[in-house]
Protein backbone atom coordinates (compact mmCIF):
# COMPACT_ATOMS: atom_id res chain seq x y z
CA GLY A 1 88.60 117.07 101.11
CA ARG A 2 88.94 115.77 105.12
CA LEU A 3 86.41 113.08 106.56
CA VAL A 4 84.04 113.46 104.47
CA LEU A 5 83.99 109.69 102.77
CA MET A 6 83.50 107.91 105.65
CA TYR A 7 80.25 109.49 106.25
CA GLN A 8 78.61 108.30 102.94
CA GLY A 9 77.27 105.18 102.24
CA ASP A 10 79.10 104.31 99.31
CA VAL A 11 82.52 105.35 99.34
CA THR A 12 82.62 105.29 94.89
CA GLU A 13 79.36 106.61 94.30
CA ALA A 14 80.36 109.60 96.95
CA LEU A 15 83.63 109.86 95.12
CA ARG A 16 82.81 109.83 91.59
CA ALA A 17 80.07 112.15 92.71
CA LEU A 18 83.05 114.84 93.56
CA VAL A 19 85.96 114.23 90.26
CA ARG A 20 82.86 115.80 88.05
CA ARG A 21 83.71 118.00 89.61
CA VAL A 22 86.80 119.05 89.84
CA ARG A 23 88.82 119.86 85.67
CA PRO A 24 90.66 117.25 83.83
CA GLY A 25 94.52 116.88 85.72
CA GLY A 26 93.15 118.71 89.78
CA THR A 27 93.64 117.01 92.36
CA LEU A 28 91.21 115.17 93.97
CA ALA A 29 92.92 114.63 98.08
CA PHE A 30 91.27 112.77 101.42
CA ALA A 31 92.20 112.13 104.81
CA GLU A 32 90.05 110.00 106.02
CA ILE A 33 89.49 108.04 109.66
CA ASP A 34 90.82 104.30 109.61
CA LEU A 35 89.70 103.81 112.97
CA THR A 36 91.04 99.83 112.19
CA THR A 37 94.84 100.53 112.51
CA GLY A 38 94.21 101.93 116.09
CA LEU A 39 92.21 98.61 116.92
CA GLY A 40 95.10 96.56 115.52
CA TYR A 41 97.51 98.23 118.47
CA VAL A 42 95.38 98.42 120.81
CA ARG A 43 94.81 94.54 120.17
CA ALA A 44 98.50 94.12 120.88
CA GLY A 45 99.18 94.10 124.10
CA ALA A 46 97.93 97.74 124.94
CA PRO A 47 96.26 98.91 128.81
CA GLU A 48 92.57 98.36 129.80
CA LEU A 49 91.85 101.86 129.83
CA MET A 50 93.39 102.08 126.35
CA SER A 51 92.02 99.53 124.88
CA SER A 52 88.01 99.98 125.89
CA VAL A 53 88.63 104.10 124.55
CA TRP A 54 89.57 102.24 121.39
CA GLU A 55 86.54 100.23 121.48
CA TRP A 56 83.90 101.51 122.72
CA ALA A 57 84.83 105.23 119.93
CA ALA A 58 85.48 102.11 116.81
CA ASP A 59 81.46 99.94 118.00
CA ALA A 60 80.28 103.76 118.13
CA PHE A 61 80.91 105.39 114.07
CA ARG A 62 80.17 101.96 113.72
CA ARG A 63 76.93 102.16 114.61
CA ALA A 64 76.08 106.13 114.25
CA GLY A 65 76.66 103.68 110.71
CA ALA A 66 80.42 105.93 109.52
CA HIS A 67 83.69 103.16 107.27
CA ILE A 68 86.10 102.64 110.33
CA ALA A 69 87.61 101.22 107.40
CA MET A 70 88.90 103.80 105.13
CA ALA A 71 91.75 102.20 104.27
CA PRO A 72 91.18 99.67 101.16
CA LEU A 73 87.82 101.83 101.09
CA LEU A 74 89.61 105.12 99.83
CA HIS A 75 92.79 102.74 97.48
CA ARG A 76 89.19 101.21 96.08
CA ALA A 77 87.13 104.04 95.26
CA PHE A 78 89.65 106.23 92.94
CA VAL A 79 90.50 103.09 90.75
CA GLU A 80 86.63 102.69 90.20
CA CYS A 81 86.55 105.85 89.89
CA GLY A 82 89.15 105.96 86.92
CA LEU A 83 91.56 107.96 88.79
CA GLY A 84 94.37 105.10 88.83
CA GLU A 85 96.19 103.95 92.37
CA PRO A 86 96.05 106.29 94.88
CA GLU A 87 99.13 107.70 96.31
CA MET A 88 98.08 106.88 99.76
CA SER A 89 99.99 107.50 104.17
CA LEU A 90 99.27 106.98 107.14
CA HIS A 91 99.80 108.32 110.22
CA ALA A 92 98.84 108.40 114.03
CA ARG A 93 100.87 109.86 116.57
CA LEU A 94 101.26 108.16 120.27
CA GLY A 95 102.26 109.43 122.79
CA CYS A 96 103.74 108.78 126.57
CA GLY A 97 104.41 111.21 128.03
CA ARG A 98 102.79 113.39 130.89
CA ASP A 99 102.54 116.53 129.53
CA TRP A 100 101.42 114.94 126.44
CA ALA A 101 98.13 116.71 124.43
CA GLY A 102 96.97 113.81 123.20
CA TYR A 103 95.56 112.66 125.92
CA ARG A 104 93.04 115.19 125.73
CA TRP A 105 92.30 114.59 122.33
CA ALA A 106 90.83 112.07 122.93
CA ALA A 107 88.75 112.86 126.43
CA GLU A 108 87.36 115.31 124.08
CA LEU A 109 86.41 113.28 120.98
CA MET A 110 85.36 110.55 123.13
CA ARG A 111 83.11 113.06 124.39
CA SER A 112 81.92 114.30 121.35
CA LEU A 113 81.07 110.95 120.93
CA THR A 114 78.75 110.17 124.33
CA PRO A 115 75.37 110.23 122.88
CA VAL A 116 75.62 108.58 120.70
CA LEU A 117 77.63 105.41 122.74
CA GLU A 118 75.12 106.52 125.89
CA LYS A 119 72.32 106.11 122.93
CA PHE A 120 73.63 102.26 121.70
CA GLY A 121 74.12 101.12 124.95
CA ILE A 122 77.85 100.94 124.63
CA VAL A 123 79.39 102.30 127.71
CA THR A 124 77.45 105.01 129.74
CA ALA A 125 78.69 108.49 130.55
CA ASP A 126 79.41 107.90 134.61
CA VAL A 127 82.03 104.54 133.14
CA LEU A 128 83.25 106.71 130.60
CA ASP A 129 83.54 109.78 133.36
CA VAL A 130 85.52 112.16 130.14
CA ASP A 131 86.10 115.00 132.66
CA THR A 132 88.84 112.53 134.28
CA LEU A 133 88.84 110.04 131.39
CA ALA A 134 92.50 112.16 129.63
CA GLU A 135 94.36 111.46 133.34
CA ARG A 136 93.51 108.35 133.82
CA LEU A 137 94.33 108.31 130.36
CA ARG A 138 98.01 109.80 130.82
CA ASP A 139 98.73 107.82 134.42
CA GLU A 140 97.62 104.04 132.39
CA ALA A 141 100.42 104.83 129.78
CA LEU A 142 102.55 106.49 132.41
CA ARG A 143 102.06 103.16 134.84
CA THR A 144 102.85 100.01 131.21
CA GLY A 145 105.57 102.31 129.52
CA PHE A 146 102.73 101.79 126.40
CA PRO A 147 102.41 105.03 124.25
CA PHE A 148 99.28 105.53 123.70
CA MET A 149 97.34 106.26 119.80
CA VAL A 150 95.28 109.04 118.59
CA VAL A 151 92.76 107.98 116.08
CA PRO A 152 95.50 106.91 112.60
CA LEU A 153 94.43 109.65 109.52
CA VAL A 154 94.60 107.67 106.26
CA ALA A 155 95.72 109.85 103.03
CA ALA A 156 94.67 109.65 99.49
CA TRP A 157 95.12 111.61 96.66
CA GLY A 158 95.12 111.33 93.01
CA ARG A 159 94.64 113.26 90.14
CA LYS A 160 92.04 113.03 86.88
CA PRO A 161 92.83 112.36 84.09
CA LEU A 162 93.76 114.58 80.85
CA ASP A 163 91.39 113.05 78.50
């Protein structure tokens, strides 16, 4: 599954329901967003726009009911579902180049979040200005030398016991 469990109220219960559908010895693998990693990164000194985009996105996901700290939730769910210690990894792309695609990706993510951002009064579409956001993120990264991080994915995988 990809970006599935982060939207479930009870991650462990959702995984438990899926485990029942997998044959013994079968693999369960999930990749989910972990926004806390990115928040920690930008809070360590990112420039203003980068920090704002991360804070706005995290607030939007949180208020919409998504889990934003999936690494510990995935680990706990795998263990509690009898899958044992999962193998896990965390991957986040960073870039600071003029033509790096991550700026456009981030702008499109924020475009998709705009209704939620406005609904909860996090930021207005005018302030966000998604049509120029990629350019502004790029300019800020080039000016400051602080690489922009796209949303990190945490992956967890394991096998259903044979017994």
